[in-house]
Amino acid sequence: MIVKRSALLALTALAMANTAPAVAAKSAPAEFRAAAVKVEITPSDLTNLNPFGGGSFTAVHDPIFARVLVLADGAKTALIVTFDAPEVGEMTPFRQRIERETGIGFDHIILAATHDHSAPRIGGLSKGTRAQMPSAESLKYSETVYEKTLAA
């Protein structure tokens, strides 16, 4: 699965590089830059974080992560974040916060889940979905994940 995710990120980076606006002949060529980081987001308290049927997880087998990729072409910057989670819910407030704190445009921010059924959900309930309603503990955990992701 890691190989598939890495390949997807590499393909995304190439696609973005190939769609960058052409640079005028008299200007210096734009420098394409990329940065990646992996941040552990394993919860320390598992109480009421199981999104499938509620309740608590009983133990942690493997750590879970947020993976952050920042791409810049000299004119625009894009951010892709994947979370080891079954889903990311309503993320508009977090995307707005990222925009405020980093200057990366709202429409250049992608937040996605790896669809891990053995991890807590992240975010509130998206409008029009039939997903599990997040618990108070899940929303508190989401805030912790947001802080760790922004600190990366």
Protein backbone atom coordinates (compact mmCIF):
# COMPACT_ATOMS: atom_id res chain seq x y z
CA MET A 1 0.00 0.00 0.00
CA ILE A 2 2.89 2.36 0.75
CA VAL A 3 4.26 1.84 -2.75
CA LYS A 4 0.85 2.66 -4.25
CA ARG A 5 0.54 5.86 -2.19
CA SER A 6 4.07 6.92 -3.07
CA ALA A 7 3.40 6.32 -6.74
CA LEU A 8 0.18 8.32 -6.54
CA LEU A 9 1.99 11.24 -4.91
CA ALA A 10 4.75 11.12 -7.52
CA LEU A 11 2.21 11.07 -10.36
CA THR A 12 0.37 14.00 -8.79
CA ALA A 13 3.61 15.96 -8.55
CA LEU A 14 4.43 15.25 -12.18
CA ALA A 15 0.95 16.21 -13.34
CA MET A 16 1.13 19.49 -11.44
CA ALA A 17 4.58 20.22 -12.86
CA ASN A 18 3.36 19.55 -16.40
CA THR A 19 0.34 21.83 -16.04
CA ALA A 20 2.31 24.77 -14.61
CA PRO A 21 1.99 27.94 -16.71
CA ALA A 22 4.71 28.49 -19.27
CA VAL A 23 7.49 30.87 -18.23
CA ALA A 24 8.29 33.76 -20.56
CA ALA A 25 11.60 33.39 -22.39
CA LYS A 26 13.11 36.50 -20.77
CA SER A 27 12.31 35.49 -17.17
CA ALA A 28 14.27 33.04 -15.09
CA PRO A 29 12.83 29.53 -15.13
CA ALA A 30 10.58 28.72 -12.20
CA GLU A 31 12.08 26.37 -9.68
CA PHE A 32 9.91 23.38 -8.85
CA ARG A 33 10.19 22.50 -5.17
CA ALA A 34 8.70 19.73 -3.07
CA ALA A 35 8.80 18.82 0.59
CA ALA A 36 7.36 15.80 2.36
CA VAL A 37 7.00 14.85 5.99
CA LYS A 38 5.30 12.08 7.95
CA VAL A 39 3.80 12.92 11.35
CA GLU A 40 2.63 10.33 13.84
CA ILE A 41 -1.02 10.86 14.84
CA THR A 42 -1.60 7.73 16.94
CA PRO A 43 -4.01 8.69 19.73
CA SER A 44 -2.77 8.28 23.29
CA ASP A 45 -6.30 7.73 24.63
CA LEU A 46 -8.45 5.24 22.68
CA THR A 47 -11.70 5.99 24.54
CA ASN A 48 -14.74 6.27 22.23
CA LEU A 49 -12.66 6.59 19.05
CA ASN A 50 -13.92 3.49 17.22
CA PRO A 51 -16.11 4.94 14.42
CA PHE A 52 -17.66 1.57 13.53
CA GLY A 53 -20.26 0.80 16.15
CA GLY A 54 -18.85 3.21 18.69
CA GLY A 55 -16.89 2.36 21.75
CA SER A 56 -13.18 2.19 22.24
CA PHE A 57 -10.30 0.50 20.51
CA THR A 58 -8.59 -1.95 22.87
CA ALA A 59 -4.96 -1.46 21.83
CA VAL A 60 -2.60 0.01 19.26
CA HIS A 61 -0.96 -2.52 16.96
CA ASP A 62 0.84 -0.08 14.65
CA PRO A 63 1.24 3.71 14.74
CA ILE A 64 -0.82 5.82 12.34
CA PHE A 65 0.38 8.87 10.44
CA ALA A 66 -0.47 12.01 8.53
CA ARG A 67 1.64 12.37 5.41
CA VAL A 68 2.17 15.91 4.15
CA LEU A 69 3.37 16.87 0.66
CA VAL A 70 3.94 20.49 -0.36
CA LEU A 71 4.57 21.30 -4.02
CA ALA A 72 5.54 24.71 -5.40
CA ASP A 73 6.31 25.86 -8.94
CA GLY A 74 7.41 29.40 -8.15
CA ALA A 75 3.94 30.85 -8.75
CA LYS A 76 1.62 28.55 -6.81
CA THR A 77 1.87 26.16 -3.91
CA ALA A 78 -0.22 23.04 -3.36
CA LEU A 79 -0.68 20.90 -0.26
CA ILE A 80 -1.69 17.25 -0.16
CA VAL A 81 -2.27 15.56 3.20
CA THR A 82 -3.27 11.94 3.68
CA PHE A 83 -4.39 10.68 7.07
CA ASP A 84 -4.38 7.06 8.22
CA ALA A 85 -8.09 7.13 8.96
CA PRO A 86 -11.27 5.51 7.64
CA GLU A 87 -12.50 8.88 6.41
CA VAL A 88 -12.06 12.60 6.76
CA GLY A 89 -15.31 14.36 7.41
CA GLU A 90 -16.17 18.03 6.96
CA MET A 91 -12.74 19.62 6.53
CA THR A 92 -13.68 23.12 5.32
CA PRO A 93 -12.78 24.80 8.65
CA PHE A 94 -9.40 23.03 8.72
CA ARG A 95 -8.68 23.93 5.07
CA GLN A 96 -9.55 27.57 5.87
CA ARG A 97 -7.19 27.47 8.84
CA ILE A 98 -4.40 26.02 6.68
CA GLU A 99 -4.97 28.83 4.17
CA ARG A 100 -4.82 31.49 6.93
CA GLU A 101 -1.73 30.07 8.60
CA THR A 102 0.31 29.06 5.53
CA GLY A 103 -0.91 31.25 2.68
CA ILE A 104 -1.62 28.17 0.54
CA GLY A 105 -4.85 28.79 -1.38
CA PHE A 106 -7.97 26.95 -0.19
CA ASP A 107 -8.44 25.47 -3.67
CA HIS A 108 -4.86 24.15 -3.62
CA ILE A 109 -5.35 21.99 -0.50
CA ILE A 110 -6.28 18.30 -0.73
CA LEU A 111 -7.06 16.33 2.44
CA ALA A 112 -7.75 12.61 2.12
CA ALA A 113 -7.96 9.41 4.14
CA THR A 114 -6.18 6.13 3.43
CA HIS A 115 -9.44 4.35 4.41
CA ASP A 116 -7.96 2.50 7.39
CA HIS A 117 -10.81 0.72 9.20
CA SER A 118 -8.66 0.28 12.31
CA ALA A 119 -8.16 3.97 13.04
CA PRO A 120 -10.30 6.83 14.34
CA ARG A 121 -12.14 9.10 11.90
CA ILE A 122 -11.02 12.70 11.51
CA GLY A 123 -13.29 15.73 11.24
CA GLY A 124 -16.97 16.39 11.64
CA LEU A 125 -19.79 14.81 9.69
CA SER A 126 -19.93 15.98 6.08
CA LYS A 127 -23.29 17.30 4.96
CA GLY A 128 -25.42 14.81 3.07
CA THR A 129 -23.42 11.74 4.13
CA ARG A 130 -24.47 8.67 6.04
CA ALA A 131 -21.20 8.28 7.87
CA GLN A 132 -20.98 7.57 11.58
CA MET A 133 -21.55 10.64 13.73
CA PRO A 134 -18.24 11.57 15.38
CA SER A 135 -18.07 11.35 19.16
CA ALA A 136 -16.92 14.26 21.33
CA GLU A 137 -13.68 12.34 21.84
CA SER A 138 -13.29 11.95 18.07
CA LEU A 139 -13.70 15.69 17.53
CA LYS A 140 -11.13 16.38 20.28
CA TYR A 141 -8.75 13.89 18.66
CA SER A 142 -9.31 15.64 15.31
CA GLU A 143 -8.14 18.92 16.83
CA THR A 144 -4.97 17.20 18.05
CA VAL A 145 -4.38 15.85 14.53
CA TYR A 146 -4.89 19.33 13.04
CA GLU A 147 -2.30 20.81 15.44
CA LYS A 148 0.27 18.11 14.64
CA THR A 149 -0.34 18.46 10.90
CA LEU A 150 0.08 22.25 10.96
CA ALA A 151 3.22 21.94 13.07
CA ALA A 152 4.75 19.72 10.38
